[in-house]
Protein backbone atom coordinates (compact mmCIF):
# COMPACT_ATOMS: atom_id res chain seq x y z
CA MET A 1 0.00 0.00 0.00
CA ALA A 2 1.21 3.53 -0.74
CA GLN A 3 2.77 5.40 2.14
CA GLY A 4 1.94 8.89 3.39
CA ARG A 5 -1.29 10.59 4.34
CA LEU A 6 -4.58 9.68 2.75
CA ALA A 7 -6.74 12.73 2.11
CA GLY A 8 -9.99 12.24 0.22
CA THR A 9 -9.33 9.94 -2.74
CA TYR A 10 -5.83 8.47 -3.07
CA ARG A 11 -4.67 6.67 -6.23
CA ILE A 12 -2.27 3.72 -5.92
CA SER A 13 -0.45 1.61 -8.47
CA THR A 14 -2.74 -1.39 -8.36
CA GLY A 15 -5.63 0.62 -9.86
CA VAL A 16 -7.54 0.80 -6.63
CA VAL A 17 -8.86 3.86 -4.86
CA VAL A 18 -8.54 3.94 -1.07
CA TRP A 19 -10.67 6.45 0.76
CA ALA A 20 -9.83 7.27 4.39
CA SER A 21 -9.84 11.02 4.81
CA GLY A 22 -7.34 12.44 7.28
CA LEU A 23 -5.61 9.15 8.19
CA SER A 24 -2.15 7.87 7.43
CA SER A 25 -1.96 4.53 5.63
CA ASP A 26 -0.91 2.78 8.84
CA GLN A 27 -3.79 4.38 10.74
CA ALA A 28 -6.20 3.39 8.01
CA GLU A 29 -5.10 -0.21 8.41
CA GLN A 30 -5.73 -0.05 12.16
CA GLY A 31 -8.53 2.40 12.83
CA ALA A 32 -10.80 3.21 9.91
CA SER A 33 -13.50 1.69 7.78
CA ILE A 34 -12.31 1.97 4.18
CA GLU A 35 -13.76 1.23 0.79
CA ARG A 36 -11.81 -0.08 -2.20
CA ARG A 37 -13.05 0.22 -5.81
CA PRO A 38 -11.55 0.47 -9.32
CA VAL A 39 -10.18 3.88 -10.35
CA GLY A 40 -12.80 5.99 -12.11
CA GLU A 41 -15.70 3.91 -10.88
CA ARG A 42 -18.34 5.82 -8.96
CA SER A 43 -19.94 4.27 -5.95
CA SER A 44 -23.60 3.41 -6.27
CA PRO A 45 -26.12 1.29 -4.42
CA THR A 46 -25.60 -1.48 -6.99
CA THR A 47 -21.77 -1.34 -7.05
CA THR A 48 -20.10 -4.33 -5.43
CA THR A 49 -17.44 -3.02 -3.02
CA GLU A 50 -15.02 -4.61 -0.66
CA ARG A 51 -15.46 -3.09 2.76
CA VAL A 52 -12.74 -3.64 5.31
CA ARG A 53 -13.79 -3.37 8.94
CA LEU A 54 -10.88 -1.84 10.78
CA VAL A 55 -12.41 0.25 13.56
CA ARG A 56 -10.41 -0.67 16.65
CA TYR A 57 -12.52 0.59 19.58
CA THR A 58 -16.13 1.38 20.36
CA PRO A 59 -16.96 5.12 20.15
CA ALA A 60 -17.60 5.24 23.91
CA ALA A 61 -14.25 3.63 24.67
CA THR A 62 -12.48 6.09 22.37
CA LEU A 63 -14.02 9.01 24.25
CA GLN A 64 -12.99 7.52 27.59
CA PHE A 65 -9.30 7.04 26.75
CA PRO A 66 -8.10 10.56 27.76
CA TYR A 67 -9.86 10.23 31.11
CA LEU A 68 -8.44 6.74 31.68
CA LYS A 69 -4.91 7.91 30.84
CA LEU A 70 -5.26 10.80 33.30
CA HIS A 71 -6.65 8.47 35.97
CA GLN A 72 -3.74 6.07 35.52
CA PHE A 73 -1.22 8.93 35.74
CA VAL A 74 -2.74 10.30 38.96
CA TYR A 75 -3.10 6.84 40.53
CA ARG A 76 0.56 5.99 39.90
CA HIS A 77 2.09 9.34 40.79
CA SER A 78 0.04 9.83 43.95
CA GLY A 79 1.44 6.54 45.27
CA GLY A 80 -2.08 5.13 45.41
CA LEU A 81 -3.56 7.95 47.53
CA ILE A 82 -5.87 8.96 44.67
CA GLY A 83 -7.44 6.71 42.09
CA SER A 84 -8.48 3.48 43.76
CA ARG A 85 -12.14 4.51 43.56
CA ILE A 86 -13.65 5.99 40.42
CA ILE A 87 -17.15 6.38 39.01
CA ALA A 88 -17.02 3.03 37.22
CA GLY A 89 -15.96 1.17 40.38
CA ARG A 90 -12.76 0.23 42.16
CA ALA A 91 -9.45 0.21 40.34
CA LEU A 92 -6.08 -1.42 40.80
CA LEU A 93 -2.67 -0.94 39.25
CA LEU A 94 -1.41 -4.05 37.49
CA THR A 95 2.29 -4.34 36.74
CA THR A 96 3.32 -6.95 34.19
CA THR A 97 6.68 -7.80 32.65
CA GLY A 98 6.98 -6.85 28.99
CA ARG A 99 7.11 -10.03 26.94
CA ARG A 100 9.64 -8.48 24.55
CA SER A 101 11.37 -5.74 26.54
CA GLY A 102 11.48 -7.48 29.92
CA GLN A 103 10.62 -4.11 31.47
CA PRO A 104 7.80 -3.50 33.98
CA ARG A 105 4.57 -2.19 32.45
CA THR A 106 1.83 -0.72 34.62
CA CYS A 107 -1.80 0.00 33.81
CA ALA A 108 -4.91 0.88 35.81
CA LEU A 109 -7.86 -1.53 35.58
CA ILE A 110 -11.34 -1.84 37.05
CA TYR A 111 -11.56 -4.97 39.16
CA LEU A 112 -14.14 -7.23 40.74
CA LYS A 113 -13.46 -9.16 43.93
CA ASP A 114 -14.27 -12.88 43.71
CA GLY A 115 -13.54 -14.49 47.05
CA GLU A 116 -9.78 -14.21 47.57
CA ARG A 117 -9.15 -13.36 43.92
CA TRP A 118 -9.36 -10.19 41.87
CA VAL A 119 -10.95 -10.27 38.42
CA VAL A 120 -9.94 -7.88 35.63
CA VAL A 121 -11.31 -7.76 32.09
CA ALA A 122 -9.09 -7.74 28.98
CA SER A 123 -11.61 -5.73 26.96
CA ASN A 124 -9.26 -3.19 25.34
CA GLY A 125 -12.26 -1.06 24.43
CA GLY A 126 -13.74 -3.74 22.21
CA SER A 127 -10.69 -3.93 19.95
CA ASP A 128 -9.95 -7.07 17.97
CA HIS A 129 -6.45 -6.85 19.43
CA PRO A 130 -5.99 -8.02 23.04
CA PRO A 131 -4.40 -5.53 25.44
CA SER A 132 -0.64 -5.73 25.80
CA TRP A 133 -0.90 -6.49 29.49
CA LEU A 134 -2.79 -9.70 28.73
CA LEU A 135 -0.09 -10.90 26.35
CA ASN A 136 2.56 -9.95 28.93
CA LEU A 137 1.02 -11.95 31.77
CA GLN A 138 0.45 -14.94 29.54
CA ALA A 139 4.20 -14.95 28.94
CA HIS A 140 5.09 -14.01 32.55
CA PRO A 141 2.26 -14.91 35.00
CA GLY A 142 3.99 -13.28 37.97
CA VAL A 143 2.55 -9.75 38.38
CA GLY A 144 2.50 -6.88 40.82
CA VAL A 145 -0.77 -5.46 42.13
CA GLN A 146 -1.47 -2.20 43.94
CA ILE A 147 -4.85 -1.30 45.41
CA GLY A 148 -4.74 2.09 47.06
CA LEU A 149 -1.64 2.07 49.25
CA GLN A 150 -1.47 -1.72 49.44
CA LYS A 151 1.03 -3.52 47.19
CA PHE A 152 1.52 -7.25 46.74
CA SER A 153 2.68 -9.80 44.19
CA ALA A 154 0.25 -12.19 42.56
CA ARG A 155 -0.09 -14.88 39.95
CA ALA A 156 -2.31 -14.20 36.96
CA SER A 157 -4.29 -16.74 34.96
CA VAL A 158 -6.98 -16.56 32.30
CA ALA A 159 -10.35 -17.74 33.55
CA SER A 160 -11.58 -21.08 32.21
CA ALA A 161 -14.72 -21.24 30.09
CA GLU A 162 -16.76 -22.27 33.13
CA GLU A 163 -15.34 -19.48 35.30
CA ARG A 164 -15.90 -16.93 32.55
CA GLU A 165 -19.53 -17.98 32.15
CA ARG A 166 -20.08 -17.53 35.90
CA LEU A 167 -18.21 -14.23 36.19
CA TRP A 168 -19.27 -12.50 32.96
CA PRO A 169 -22.69 -11.32 34.25
CA ARG A 170 -21.02 -10.07 37.44
CA VAL A 171 -18.36 -7.98 35.73
CA ASN A 172 -21.07 -6.43 33.57
CA ARG A 173 -23.24 -5.55 36.55
CA HIS A 174 -20.16 -4.14 38.26
CA ASN A 175 -19.36 -1.83 35.31
CA MET A 176 -22.72 -1.01 33.75
CA GLY A 177 -22.41 2.66 32.89
CA LEU A 178 -25.18 3.70 30.50
CA ALA A 179 -24.80 0.56 28.40
CA PRO A 180 -28.18 -0.99 29.37
CA LEU A 181 -29.93 2.24 28.32
CA MET A 182 -28.01 2.80 25.08
CA HIS A 183 -27.69 -0.79 23.87
CA PRO A 184 -30.65 -3.20 23.92
CA ALA A 185 -30.10 -6.37 25.96
CA ALA A 186 -26.62 -5.24 27.10
CA ARG A 187 -26.05 -5.86 30.80
CA GLY A 188 -23.01 -3.62 30.97
CA ARG A 189 -20.08 -2.12 29.09
CA TYR A 190 -18.37 -5.46 28.51
CA ASP A 191 -21.39 -6.85 26.64
CA VAL A 192 -21.09 -3.88 24.28
CA TYR A 193 -17.36 -4.43 23.85
CA GLN A 194 -17.88 -8.12 23.14
CA ARG A 195 -20.40 -7.32 20.41
CA HIS A 196 -17.82 -5.08 18.77
CA THR A 197 -15.14 -7.76 18.37
CA THR A 198 -14.81 -11.31 17.12
CA ARG A 199 -12.22 -11.94 19.84
CA GLU A 200 -13.53 -13.56 23.00
CA ILE A 201 -12.78 -11.06 25.73
CA ALA A 202 -10.79 -12.82 28.43
CA LEU A 203 -11.29 -12.51 32.16
CA VAL A 204 -8.08 -12.63 34.17
CA LEU A 205 -7.86 -13.92 37.74
CA LEU A 206 -5.26 -12.46 40.09
CA GLU A 207 -4.40 -14.60 43.10
CA ARG A 208 -2.13 -13.22 45.80
CA ASN A 209 1.03 -15.21 46.43
CA SER A 210 0.52 -17.42 49.46
CA GLU A 211 3.69 -16.26 51.23
CA GLU A 212 2.27 -12.73 51.32
CA SER A 213 -1.19 -13.69 52.57
């Protein structure tokens, strides 16, 4: 594919027009819905087109990202004094080991308590791509957890199909937002995210290391 910015109609050597106004070619491949058709051919209701679905996140998730980034920054840099409780529920800081870099990577996540375990959802805003932290903990299950001022090490595992079936309604009730009002039959935000992707959204269980209990 041709490199550079795509503005309006862009002609490439294969005789195909790619339309993705205002996006670079890389961004178009990751975050836009584009239409391809032969050069000179006008679109019409009867024209057969190849539509490529490439929208990465739900609109609601996209709008929330600046707030979530700010929340994560404040949570980390306040040492846990601010950020453990937000409108959507309670949040923790999860530190994984980068599967490629080997460096610590920290992100803030909403959690649900399930007995002695903490449950977090690898929704990534409904993207078809799993969040990096999920891939990291699958490679290195040992993680660090901070809830408020409390820090401890834990072992992460992806919930089994049976556990996911039991916990899925609970995580949705725990993080409903306006989803039940805006989306018919959705119990919460995660139902909406799951509808947006072909990837099964994983639930991750965090279990505190026994020597720290």
